[in-house]
Amino acid sequence: MPPQICPIPTYTHSVGSAIPIDLLRSTFASKTGPSVLLLKPPKRKRETDSADAKWSLLKSYYNSTLLKSKDRESITVENVKNSSSPDVFKTSKGYTSFILQDLKVSTLESHLSLPLSLRIPGETPALWSFIGRGSNVGRPLHTDAVTSTFTYHYQYLGSKTWTLKPTKGLAQRLNVEEAKRKVTVNEGEWILLDTRVWFHCTEMSSDSVSFARDVHFGEGSEGGAKTENTNVDGIYAVEDVEAGTVVFTEEDAPDGELCFVSEGANCEVVELEEGGRAVVTVRDVKVGEFFTVLEDDDDDDDDDDNGDEEEEFEEEET
């Protein structure tokens, strides 16, 4: 049978109810699992706050709590074409994100009178918030530099359309096409996604607010130790990479920051015969692993035999 476009499984979920562990296991911990799941609330009429009321609650929290905390340093403009202002509440069109980690997520849950957790074993403490005014697009198609099993996004206000495309490794594993498909997540719905193996981008036709949290599924029930999260991209493997593979060269270096470690690096910086340098794996690297080099690896060649040449060069420049 020829490969088909990967289907997106859907599950009916009531707020506050537990998600079957077997469902999560078959979706994210199985070789045949699609690594994506859409949660929809039961079809019934229910009273919801108006968009204006939700904006008012969120703006109040932003000004009275977030801006007075250390977490204000994480505020990032997601689309500078629309607005370069980080204060999305002062613009008619903009897209901003921030991370709650110094502040407890419960402060936001209490302010919004809304649970922002699926109560899944292995949830991380940090909560990402994405706030868009007017029509917007997020970052271009990309994967995320995370080590979690999956990330879940809750659509608090408006809707968001996701464009998803499986990485080559995922497509081969599931025998599906490496084709794009769109999924619209409406207000009150959740999307659970392994953003390491699914390329994704988002677009909004109107105001939108969503919250996201990483999950290390199967790695303990306490959510793991608290770690510092940032809005800076790292460079990591979107599929399994064999030892001896050129990850990138100076000429085609991707956006993001290479991770430097004091020991146990999985890559090294080498000189190329044709000139220039490249980052090459020194061992097999699994999907989701950050590419790392030793802290002094990038400077070794300069420090060995070229001291006099560098001195000479510096004198010429001055």
C-alpha atoms as a PDB file:
ATOM      1  CA  MET A   1       0.000   0.000   0.000  1.00  0.00           C
ATOM      2  CA  PRO A   2       1.452   3.403  -0.979  1.00  0.00           C
ATOM      3  CA  PRO A   3       2.058   5.907   1.853  1.00  0.00           C
ATOM      4  CA  GLN A   4      -0.929   8.028   2.848  1.00  0.00           C
ATOM      5  CA  ILE A   5      -1.130  11.394   4.618  1.00  0.00           C
ATOM      6  CA  CYS A   6      -0.816  10.785   8.351  1.00  0.00           C
ATOM      7  CA  PRO A   7      -4.230  10.887  10.089  1.00  0.00           C
ATOM      8  CA  ILE A   8      -4.671  12.983  13.245  1.00  0.00           C
ATOM      9  CA  PRO A   9      -6.399  10.935  15.972  1.00  0.00           C
ATOM     10  CA  THR A  10      -9.084  12.691  18.042  1.00  0.00           C
ATOM     11  CA  TYR A  11     -10.228  11.953  21.581  1.00  0.00           C
ATOM     12  CA  THR A  12     -13.183  13.415  23.511  1.00  0.00           C
ATOM     13  CA  HIS A  13     -11.907  14.926  26.742  1.00  0.00           C
ATOM     14  CA  SER A  14     -13.793  16.609  29.587  1.00  0.00           C
ATOM     15  CA  VAL A  15     -11.941  19.246  31.611  1.00  0.00           C
ATOM     16  CA  GLY A  16     -10.675  17.724  34.826  1.00  0.00           C
ATOM     17  CA  SER A  17     -10.960  14.120  33.680  1.00  0.00           C
ATOM     18  CA  ALA A  18      -7.929  11.877  33.305  1.00  0.00           C
ATOM     19  CA  ILE A  19      -6.557  10.918  29.904  1.00  0.00           C
ATOM     20  CA  PRO A  20      -6.076   7.148  29.592  1.00  0.00           C
ATOM     21  CA  ILE A  21      -2.396   6.322  30.037  1.00  0.00           C
ATOM     22  CA  ASP A  22      -2.710   3.576  27.421  1.00  0.00           C
ATOM     23  CA  LEU A  23      -3.840   6.204  24.892  1.00  0.00           C
ATOM     24  CA  LEU A  24      -0.785   8.359  25.604  1.00  0.00           C
ATOM     25  CA  ARG A  25       1.486   5.336  25.501  1.00  0.00           C
ATOM     26  CA  SER A  26       0.175   4.139  22.132  1.00  0.00           C
ATOM     27  CA  THR A  27       0.385   7.668  20.703  1.00  0.00           C
ATOM     28  CA  PHE A  28       3.794   8.795  21.960  1.00  0.00           C
ATOM     29  CA  ALA A  29       5.704   5.765  23.279  1.00  0.00           C
ATOM     30  CA  SER A  30       4.989   3.254  20.516  1.00  0.00           C
ATOM     31  CA  LYS A  31       6.962   2.842  17.283  1.00  0.00           C
ATOM     32  CA  THR A  32       3.668   2.919  15.393  1.00  0.00           C
ATOM     33  CA  GLY A  33       2.268   5.895  17.312  1.00  0.00           C
ATOM     34  CA  PRO A  34       1.565   9.084  15.308  1.00  0.00           C
ATOM     35  CA  SER A  35       3.051  11.372  17.997  1.00  0.00           C
ATOM     36  CA  VAL A  36       0.088  13.743  17.705  1.00  0.00           C
ATOM     37  CA  LEU A  37      -3.364  13.796  19.346  1.00  0.00           C
ATOM     38  CA  LEU A  38      -6.259  16.262  19.290  1.00  0.00           C
ATOM     39  CA  LEU A  39      -8.501  16.556  22.362  1.00  0.00           C
ATOM     40  CA  LYS A  40     -12.017  17.916  21.881  1.00  0.00           C
ATOM     41  CA  PRO A  41     -14.562  18.708  24.627  1.00  0.00           C
ATOM     42  CA  PRO A  42     -17.910  16.867  24.642  1.00  0.00           C
ATOM     43  CA  LYS A  43     -20.494  18.376  22.306  1.00  0.00           C
ATOM     44  CA  ARG A  44     -22.793  20.273  24.595  1.00  0.00           C
ATOM     45  CA  LYS A  45     -23.820  23.847  25.198  1.00  0.00           C
ATOM     46  CA  ARG A  46     -21.923  25.566  27.940  1.00  0.00           C
ATOM     47  CA  GLU A  47     -21.507  29.129  29.076  1.00  0.00           C
ATOM     48  CA  THR A  48     -18.143  30.665  28.225  1.00  0.00           C
ATOM     49  CA  ASP A  49     -16.649  34.038  28.991  1.00  0.00           C
ATOM     50  CA  SER A  50     -16.770  36.531  26.148  1.00  0.00           C
ATOM     51  CA  ALA A  51     -13.570  37.321  24.261  1.00  0.00           C
ATOM     52  CA  ASP A  52     -13.516  40.798  25.842  1.00  0.00           C
ATOM     53  CA  ALA A  53     -13.771  39.309  29.326  1.00  0.00           C
ATOM     54  CA  LYS A  54     -10.926  36.885  28.617  1.00  0.00           C
ATOM     55  CA  TRP A  55      -8.730  39.653  27.233  1.00  0.00           C
ATOM     56  CA  SER A  56      -9.448  41.759  30.303  1.00  0.00           C
ATOM     57  CA  LEU A  57      -8.466  38.948  32.680  1.00  0.00           C
ATOM     58  CA  LEU A  58      -5.260  38.197  30.798  1.00  0.00           C
ATOM     59  CA  LYS A  59      -4.283  41.860  30.491  1.00  0.00           C
ATOM     60  CA  SER A  60      -4.818  42.332  34.222  1.00  0.00           C
ATOM     61  CA  TYR A  61      -2.525  39.383  34.988  1.00  0.00           C
ATOM     62  CA  TYR A  62       0.088  40.614  32.489  1.00  0.00           C
ATOM     63  CA  ASN A  63       0.295  44.087  34.032  1.00  0.00           C
ATOM     64  CA  SER A  64      -0.222  43.292  37.708  1.00  0.00           C
ATOM     65  CA  THR A  65       1.799  40.086  37.994  1.00  0.00           C
ATOM     66  CA  LEU A  66       3.953  39.129  34.999  1.00  0.00           C
ATOM     67  CA  LEU A  67       5.625  42.520  34.455  1.00  0.00           C
ATOM     68  CA  LYS A  68       6.572  42.636  38.141  1.00  0.00           C
ATOM     69  CA  SER A  69       8.270  39.231  38.090  1.00  0.00           C
ATOM     70  CA  LYS A  70      11.518  37.785  36.761  1.00  0.00           C
ATOM     71  CA  ASP A  71       9.500  36.071  34.018  1.00  0.00           C
ATOM     72  CA  ARG A  72       9.086  39.399  32.207  1.00  0.00           C
ATOM     73  CA  GLU A  73      12.597  38.737  30.812  1.00  0.00           C
ATOM     74  CA  SER A  74      11.167  35.866  28.739  1.00  0.00           C
ATOM     75  CA  ILE A  75       8.719  38.065  26.791  1.00  0.00           C
ATOM     76  CA  THR A  76       9.500  37.612  23.085  1.00  0.00           C
ATOM     77  CA  VAL A  77       7.981  39.080  19.916  1.00  0.00           C
ATOM     78  CA  GLU A  78       7.040  36.137  17.672  1.00  0.00           C
ATOM     79  CA  ASN A  79       6.287  38.185  14.546  1.00  0.00           C
ATOM     80  CA  VAL A  80       8.161  41.485  14.222  1.00  0.00           C
ATOM     81  CA  LYS A  81       6.524  42.164  10.837  1.00  0.00           C
ATOM     82  CA  ASN A  82       3.244  42.907  12.598  1.00  0.00           C
ATOM     83  CA  SER A  83       4.601  44.702  15.644  1.00  0.00           C
ATOM     84  CA  SER A  84       7.997  45.084  17.321  1.00  0.00           C
ATOM     85  CA  SER A  85       6.354  45.938  20.645  1.00  0.00           C
ATOM     86  CA  PRO A  86       6.546  43.167  23.264  1.00  0.00           C
ATOM     87  CA  ASP A  87       3.393  44.542  24.926  1.00  0.00           C
ATOM     88  CA  VAL A  88       0.760  42.891  22.768  1.00  0.00           C
ATOM     89  CA  PHE A  89      -2.030  44.557  24.749  1.00  0.00           C
ATOM     90  CA  LYS A  90      -1.002  47.992  23.437  1.00  0.00           C
ATOM     91  CA  THR A  91      -1.245  47.011  19.772  1.00  0.00           C
ATOM     92  CA  SER A  92      -4.089  46.066  17.456  1.00  0.00           C
ATOM     93  CA  LYS A  93      -1.896  43.506  15.711  1.00  0.00           C
ATOM     94  CA  GLY A  94       0.961  41.583  17.279  1.00  0.00           C
ATOM     95  CA  TYR A  95       2.165  38.199  18.477  1.00  0.00           C
ATOM     96  CA  THR A  96       4.029  37.704  21.761  1.00  0.00           C
ATOM     97  CA  SER A  97       5.100  34.761  23.903  1.00  0.00           C
ATOM     98  CA  PHE A  98       6.396  34.426  27.449  1.00  0.00           C
ATOM     99  CA  ILE A  99       7.272  31.635  29.891  1.00  0.00           C
ATOM    100  CA  LEU A 100       5.994  31.248  33.430  1.00  0.00           C
ATOM    101  CA  GLN A 101       8.624  29.510  35.530  1.00  0.00           C
ATOM    102  CA  ASP A 102       9.646  31.892  38.313  1.00  0.00           C
ATOM    103  CA  LEU A 103       5.941  32.491  38.918  1.00  0.00           C
ATOM    104  CA  LYS A 104       3.862  29.449  39.756  1.00  0.00           C
ATOM    105  CA  VAL A 105       1.376  28.473  37.045  1.00  0.00           C
ATOM    106  CA  SER A 106      -1.279  28.386  39.758  1.00  0.00           C
ATOM    107  CA  THR A 107      -1.140  32.213  39.885  1.00  0.00           C
ATOM    108  CA  LEU A 108      -2.402  32.338  36.288  1.00  0.00           C
ATOM    109  CA  GLU A 109      -4.882  29.489  36.791  1.00  0.00           C
ATOM    110  CA  SER A 110      -6.354  31.307  39.778  1.00  0.00           C
ATOM    111  CA  HIS A 111      -6.537  34.599  37.870  1.00  0.00           C
ATOM    112  CA  LEU A 112      -8.324  32.998  34.911  1.00  0.00           C
ATOM    113  CA  SER A 113     -10.364  30.563  37.057  1.00  0.00           C
ATOM    114  CA  LEU A 114      -9.230  27.853  34.670  1.00  0.00           C
ATOM    115  CA  PRO A 115      -7.130  24.681  35.005  1.00  0.00           C
ATOM    116  CA  LEU A 116      -4.154  24.854  32.627  1.00  0.00           C
ATOM    117  CA  SER A 117      -2.923  21.322  33.186  1.00  0.00           C
ATOM    118  CA  LEU A 118      -3.914  17.921  31.846  1.00  0.00           C
ATOM    119  CA  ARG A 119      -2.503  16.383  35.051  1.00  0.00           C
ATOM    120  CA  ILE A 120      -0.320  14.013  33.036  1.00  0.00           C
ATOM    121  CA  PRO A 121       2.587  12.316  34.848  1.00  0.00           C
ATOM    122  CA  GLY A 122       5.827  13.989  33.815  1.00  0.00           C
ATOM    123  CA  GLU A 123       4.497  17.517  33.159  1.00  0.00           C
ATOM    124  CA  THR A 124       7.177  20.180  33.485  1.00  0.00           C
ATOM    125  CA  PRO A 125       6.536  23.168  35.784  1.00  0.00           C
ATOM    126  CA  ALA A 126       7.060  25.843  33.104  1.00  0.00           C
ATOM    127  CA  LEU A 127       4.116  27.138  31.039  1.00  0.00           C
ATOM    128  CA  TRP A 128       4.474  28.884  27.671  1.00  0.00           C
ATOM    129  CA  SER A 129       1.904  31.537  26.746  1.00  0.00           C
ATOM    130  CA  PHE A 130       1.246  32.659  23.152  1.00  0.00           C
ATOM    131  CA  ILE A 131      -0.832  35.812  22.672  1.00  0.00           C
ATOM    132  CA  GLY A 132      -1.845  37.108  19.242  1.00  0.00           C
ATOM    133  CA  ARG A 133      -3.857  40.189  18.254  1.00  0.00           C
ATOM    134  CA  GLY A 134      -5.516  40.267  14.840  1.00  0.00           C
ATOM    135  CA  SER A 135      -4.488  37.991  11.973  1.00  0.00           C
ATOM    136  CA  ASN A 136      -1.048  36.539  12.507  1.00  0.00           C
ATOM    137  CA  VAL A 137       1.432  33.905  11.476  1.00  0.00           C
ATOM    138  CA  GLY A 138       4.010  32.372  13.762  1.00  0.00           C
ATOM    139  CA  ARG A 139       7.502  31.213  12.897  1.00  0.00           C
ATOM    140  CA  PRO A 140       8.063  29.421   9.554  1.00  0.00           C
ATOM    141  CA  LEU A 141       7.814  25.621   9.459  1.00  0.00           C
ATOM    142  CA  HIS A 142      10.192  24.296  12.131  1.00  0.00           C
ATOM    143  CA  THR A 143      10.787  21.695  14.800  1.00  0.00           C
ATOM    144  CA  ASP A 144      11.431  22.617  18.438  1.00  0.00           C
ATOM    145  CA  ALA A 145      14.608  22.290  20.477  1.00  0.00           C
ATOM    146  CA  VAL A 146      13.122  20.346  23.377  1.00  0.00           C
ATOM    147  CA  THR A 147      13.947  17.058  25.088  1.00  0.00           C
ATOM    148  CA  SER A 148      10.394  16.302  26.209  1.00  0.00           C
ATOM    149  CA  THR A 149       8.266  13.429  24.884  1.00  0.00           C
ATOM    150  CA  PHE A 150       5.571  15.809  23.683  1.00  0.00           C
ATOM    151  CA  THR A 151       4.092  19.261  24.245  1.00  0.00           C
ATOM    152  CA  TYR A 152       0.423  20.063  24.735  1.00  0.00           C
ATOM    153  CA  HIS A 153      -1.227  23.323  23.699  1.00  0.00           C
ATOM    154  CA  TYR A 154      -4.551  24.512  25.117  1.00  0.00           C
ATOM    155  CA  GLN A 155      -6.524  27.000  23.016  1.00  0.00           C
ATOM    156  CA  TYR A 156      -7.864  29.502  25.563  1.00  0.00           C
ATOM    157  CA  LEU A 157      -9.204  32.118  23.142  1.00  0.00           C
ATOM    158  CA  GLY A 158     -10.025  32.060  19.432  1.00  0.00           C
ATOM    159  CA  SER A 159      -8.627  29.386  17.150  1.00  0.00           C
ATOM    160  CA  LYS A 160      -5.279  28.518  15.628  1.00  0.00           C
ATOM    161  CA  THR A 161      -4.557  26.597  12.439  1.00  0.00           C
ATOM    162  CA  TRP A 162      -1.537  24.329  12.537  1.00  0.00           C
ATOM    163  CA  THR A 163       0.360  23.208   9.447  1.00  0.00           C
ATOM    164  CA  LEU A 164       2.036  19.890  10.236  1.00  0.00           C
ATOM    165  CA  LYS A 165       4.598  17.925   8.251  1.00  0.00           C
ATOM    166  CA  PRO A 166       6.297  14.749   9.514  1.00  0.00           C
ATOM    167  CA  THR A 167      10.093  14.630   9.539  1.00  0.00           C
ATOM    168  CA  LYS A 168      11.683  12.089   7.225  1.00  0.00           C
ATOM    169  CA  GLY A 169      12.323   9.686  10.106  1.00  0.00           C
ATOM    170  CA  LEU A 170       8.724   9.843  11.356  1.00  0.00           C
ATOM    171  CA  ALA A 171       7.292   9.449   7.851  1.00  0.00           C
ATOM    172  CA  GLN A 172       9.396   6.340   7.269  1.00  0.00           C
ATOM    173  CA  ARG A 173       8.502   4.882  10.659  1.00  0.00           C
ATOM    174  CA  LEU A 174       4.754   5.352  10.090  1.00  0.00           C
ATOM    175  CA  ASN A 175       4.877   4.691   6.319  1.00  0.00           C
ATOM    176  CA  VAL A 176       3.164   8.003   5.564  1.00  0.00           C
ATOM    177  CA  GLU A 177       3.860  10.773   3.082  1.00  0.00           C
ATOM    178  CA  GLU A 178       6.170  13.644   3.959  1.00  0.00           C
ATOM    179  CA  ALA A 179       3.236  15.903   3.168  1.00  0.00           C
ATOM    180  CA  LYS A 180       1.816  18.963   4.884  1.00  0.00           C
ATOM    181  CA  ARG A 181      -1.639  18.911   6.410  1.00  0.00           C
ATOM    182  CA  LYS A 182      -3.646  21.507   8.313  1.00  0.00           C
ATOM    183  CA  VAL A 183      -5.373  21.068  11.669  1.00  0.00           C
ATOM    184  CA  THR A 184      -7.510  23.800  13.254  1.00  0.00           C
ATOM    185  CA  VAL A 185      -7.555  23.841  17.053  1.00  0.00           C
ATOM    186  CA  ASN A 186     -10.623  25.700  18.308  1.00  0.00           C
ATOM    187  CA  GLU A 187     -11.295  27.405  21.625  1.00  0.00           C
ATOM    188  CA  GLY A 188     -11.424  24.862  24.432  1.00  0.00           C
ATOM    189  CA  GLU A 189      -9.475  22.199  22.512  1.00  0.00           C
ATOM    190  CA  TRP A 190      -6.012  20.757  23.106  1.00  0.00           C
ATOM    191  CA  ILE A 191      -3.381  19.499  20.688  1.00  0.00           C
ATOM    192  CA  LEU A 192      -0.680  17.128  21.951  1.00  0.00           C
ATOM    193  CA  LEU A 193       2.337  17.020  19.647  1.00  0.00           C
ATOM    194  CA  ASP A 194       5.916  15.759  19.595  1.00  0.00           C
ATOM    195  CA  THR A 195       7.384  18.947  18.161  1.00  0.00           C
ATOM    196  CA  ARG A 196      10.777  17.293  17.664  1.00  0.00           C
ATOM    197  CA  VAL A 197       9.491  14.995  14.911  1.00  0.00           C
ATOM    198  CA  TRP A 198       6.694  17.129  13.456  1.00  0.00           C
ATOM    199  CA  PHE A 199       7.578  20.259  11.520  1.00  0.00           C
ATOM    200  CA  HIS A 200       4.930  22.813  12.407  1.00  0.00           C
ATOM    201  CA  CYS A 201       3.855  26.409  11.957  1.00  0.00           C
ATOM    202  CA  THR A 202       0.735  28.265  13.014  1.00  0.00           C
ATOM    203  CA  GLU A 203      -1.555  30.968  11.701  1.00  0.00           C
ATOM    204  CA  MET A 204      -4.458  32.878  13.226  1.00  0.00           C
ATOM    205  CA  SER A 205      -7.225  34.775  11.450  1.00  0.00           C
ATOM    206  CA  SER A 206      -8.198  36.736  14.579  1.00  0.00           C
ATOM    207  CA  ASP A 207      -7.264  37.193  18.247  1.00  0.00           C
ATOM    208  CA  SER A 208      -5.793  34.038  19.747  1.00  0.00           C
ATOM    209  CA  VAL A 209      -4.390  32.933  23.116  1.00  0.00           C
ATOM    210  CA  SER A 210      -2.951  29.507  23.868  1.00  0.00           C
ATOM    211  CA  PHE A 211      -0.904  27.935  26.646  1.00  0.00           C
ATOM    212  CA  ALA A 212       1.619  25.115  26.301  1.00  0.00           C
ATOM    213  CA  ARG A 213       3.498  22.736  28.546  1.00  0.00           C
ATOM    214  CA  ASP A 214       6.142  20.053  27.936  1.00  0.00           C
ATOM    215  CA  VAL A 215       5.675  16.485  29.158  1.00  0.00           C
ATOM    216  CA  HIS A 216       8.406  13.919  29.853  1.00  0.00           C
ATOM    217  CA  PHE A 217       6.070  10.964  29.557  1.00  0.00           C
ATOM    218  CA  GLY A 218       7.206   7.783  31.248  1.00  0.00           C
ATOM    219  CA  GLU A 219      10.000   9.569  33.119  1.00  0.00           C
ATOM    220  CA  GLY A 220       8.430   9.753  36.560  1.00  0.00           C
ATOM    221  CA  SER A 221       5.235  11.144  38.019  1.00  0.00           C
ATOM    222  CA  GLU A 222       6.582  14.281  39.641  1.00  0.00           C
ATOM    223  CA  GLY A 223       7.253  16.221  36.462  1.00  0.00           C
ATOM    224  CA  GLY A 224      11.014  16.085  36.907  1.00  0.00           C
ATOM    225  CA  ALA A 225      13.301  18.630  38.463  1.00  0.00           C
ATOM    226  CA  LYS A 226      12.719  22.275  37.714  1.00  0.00           C
ATOM    227  CA  THR A 227      14.896  23.510  34.864  1.00  0.00           C
ATOM    228  CA  GLU A 228      15.460  26.942  33.354  1.00  0.00           C
ATOM    229  CA  ASN A 229      13.702  27.377  30.016  1.00  0.00           C
ATOM    230  CA  THR A 230      14.408  30.140  27.535  1.00  0.00           C
ATOM    231  CA  ASN A 231      12.972  31.462  24.287  1.00  0.00           C
ATOM    232  CA  VAL A 232      16.323  30.818  22.561  1.00  0.00           C
ATOM    233  CA  ASP A 233      16.527  28.054  19.951  1.00  0.00           C
ATOM    234  CA  GLY A 234      19.106  25.306  20.239  1.00  0.00           C
ATOM    235  CA  ILE A 235      20.239  22.988  17.424  1.00  0.00           C
ATOM    236  CA  TYR A 236      19.286  19.354  17.774  1.00  0.00           C
ATOM    237  CA  ALA A 237      18.580  16.171  15.812  1.00  0.00           C
ATOM    238  CA  VAL A 238      15.166  15.950  14.146  1.00  0.00           C
ATOM    239  CA  GLU A 239      15.915  12.314  13.293  1.00  0.00           C
ATOM    240  CA  ASP A 240      18.503   9.694  14.256  1.00  0.00           C
ATOM    241  CA  VAL A 241      21.985  10.684  13.029  1.00  0.00           C
ATOM    242  CA  GLU A 242      24.896   8.266  12.567  1.00  0.00           C
ATOM    243  CA  ALA A 243      28.425   8.902  13.838  1.00  0.00           C
ATOM    244  CA  GLY A 244      30.628  10.675  11.283  1.00  0.00           C
ATOM    245  CA  THR A 245      27.791  12.721   9.793  1.00  0.00           C
ATOM    246  CA  VAL A 246      28.359  16.376   8.894  1.00  0.00           C
ATOM    247  CA  VAL A 247      25.641  18.218  10.793  1.00  0.00           C
ATOM    248  CA  PHE A 248      26.350  21.565   9.156  1.00  0.00           C
ATOM    249  CA  THR A 249      29.188  23.690   7.807  1.00  0.00           C
ATOM    250  CA  GLU A 250      30.018  27.327   8.431  1.00  0.00           C
ATOM    251  CA  GLU A 251      28.278  28.232   5.182  1.00  0.00           C
ATOM    252  CA  ASP A 252      24.977  26.489   5.935  1.00  0.00           C
ATOM    253  CA  ALA A 253      24.798  26.889   9.722  1.00  0.00           C
ATOM    254  CA  PRO A 254      21.135  26.910  10.844  1.00  0.00           C
ATOM    255  CA  ASP A 255      19.579  29.532  13.081  1.00  0.00           C
ATOM    256  CA  GLY A 256      20.025  28.668  16.732  1.00  0.00           C
ATOM    257  CA  GLU A 257      22.741  28.182  19.301  1.00  0.00           C
ATOM    258  CA  LEU A 258      25.151  25.248  19.425  1.00  0.00           C
ATOM    259  CA  CYS A 259      25.395  23.795  22.934  1.00  0.00           C
ATOM    260  CA  PHE A 260      28.840  23.738  24.559  1.00  0.00           C
ATOM    261  CA  VAL A 261      29.628  21.156  27.260  1.00  0.00           C
ATOM    262  CA  SER A 262      32.668  20.421  29.433  1.00  0.00           C
ATOM    263  CA  GLU A 263      32.621  16.685  28.625  1.00  0.00           C
ATOM    264  CA  GLY A 264      30.642  14.029  26.756  1.00  0.00           C
ATOM    265  CA  ALA A 265      30.095  16.043  23.552  1.00  0.00           C
ATOM    266  CA  ASN A 266      28.393  14.225  20.666  1.00  0.00           C
ATOM    267  CA  CYS A 267      30.023  16.412  17.987  1.00  0.00           C
ATOM    268  CA  GLU A 268      33.346  18.028  17.158  1.00  0.00           C
ATOM    269  CA  VAL A 269      34.437  20.949  14.987  1.00  0.00           C
ATOM    270  CA  VAL A 270      36.685  19.838  12.099  1.00  0.00           C
ATOM    271  CA  GLU A 271      38.616  21.570   9.315  1.00  0.00           C
ATOM    272  CA  LEU A 272      37.365  20.711   5.817  1.00  0.00           C
ATOM    273  CA  GLU A 273      39.789  19.883   2.984  1.00  0.00           C
ATOM    274  CA  GLU A 274      38.083  22.391   0.735  1.00  0.00           C
ATOM    275  CA  GLY A 275      38.361  25.048   3.419  1.00  0.00           C
ATOM    276  CA  GLY A 276      36.144  26.186   6.231  1.00  0.00           C
ATOM    277  CA  ARG A 277      34.920  24.180   9.190  1.00  0.00           C
ATOM    278  CA  ALA A 278      32.045  21.850   9.981  1.00  0.00           C
ATOM    279  CA  VAL A 279      30.318  20.274  12.953  1.00  0.00           C
ATOM    280  CA  VAL A 280      30.520  16.455  12.724  1.00  0.00           C
ATOM    281  CA  THR A 281      28.972  13.825  14.995  1.00  0.00           C
ATOM    282  CA  VAL A 282      31.445  11.652  16.949  1.00  0.00           C
ATOM    283  CA  ARG A 283      28.794   9.100  17.942  1.00  0.00           C
ATOM    284  CA  ASP A 284      25.258   8.128  16.987  1.00  0.00           C
ATOM    285  CA  VAL A 285      22.818  10.882  17.996  1.00  0.00           C
ATOM    286  CA  LYS A 286      19.190  10.062  18.746  1.00  0.00           C
ATOM    287  CA  VAL A 287      16.248  12.192  17.638  1.00  0.00           C
ATOM    288  CA  GLY A 288      15.664  15.032  20.086  1.00  0.00           C
ATOM    289  CA  GLU A 289      19.264  15.186  21.327  1.00  0.00           C
ATOM    290  CA  PHE A 290      20.965  18.573  21.246  1.00  0.00           C
ATOM    291  CA  PHE A 291      24.140  18.716  19.175  1.00  0.00           C
ATOM    292  CA  THR A 292      26.980  19.492  21.585  1.00  0.00           C
ATOM    293  CA  VAL A 293      30.703  20.281  21.295  1.00  0.00           C
ATOM    294  CA  LEU A 294      33.377  20.670  23.941  1.00  0.00           C
ATOM    295  CA  GLU A 295      33.687  24.192  25.313  1.00  0.00           C
ATOM    296  CA  ASP A 296      37.235  24.648  23.969  1.00  0.00           C
ATOM    297  CA  ASP A 297      36.755  22.637  20.747  1.00  0.00           C
ATOM    298  CA  ASP A 298      35.991  25.695  18.658  1.00  0.00           C
ATOM    299  CA  ASP A 299      39.253  27.363  19.688  1.00  0.00           C
ATOM    300  CA  ASP A 300      41.680  24.409  19.688  1.00  0.00           C
ATOM    301  CA  ASP A 301      42.981  24.869  16.175  1.00  0.00           C
ATOM    302  CA  ASP A 302      43.637  28.552  16.738  1.00  0.00           C
ATOM    303  CA  ASP A 303      45.567  27.914  19.949  1.00  0.00           C
ATOM    304  CA  ASP A 304      47.893  25.123  18.697  1.00  0.00           C
ATOM    305  CA  ASP A 305      50.347  26.424  16.131  1.00  0.00           C
ATOM    306  CA  ASN A 306      49.028  29.741  14.909  1.00  0.00           C
ATOM    307  CA  GLY A 307      49.864  32.015  17.776  1.00  0.00           C
ATOM    308  CA  ASP A 308      52.546  33.929  15.867  1.00  0.00           C
ATOM    309  CA  GLU A 309      50.386  34.202  12.772  1.00  0.00           C
ATOM    310  CA  GLU A 310      47.492  35.576  14.806  1.00  0.00           C
ATOM    311  CA  GLU A 311      49.784  38.111  16.486  1.00  0.00           C
ATOM    312  CA  GLU A 312      51.110  39.174  13.112  1.00  0.00           C
ATOM    313  CA  PHE A 313      47.595  39.470  11.719  1.00  0.00           C
ATOM    314  CA  GLU A 314      46.460  41.573  14.653  1.00  0.00           C
ATOM    315  CA  GLU A 315      49.417  43.921  14.205  1.00  0.00           C
ATOM    316  CA  GLU A 316      48.605  44.352  10.530  1.00  0.00           C
ATOM    317  CA  GLU A 317      45.005  45.143  11.366  1.00  0.00           C
ATOM    318  CA  THR A 318      45.991  47.798  13.882  1.00  0.00           C
END
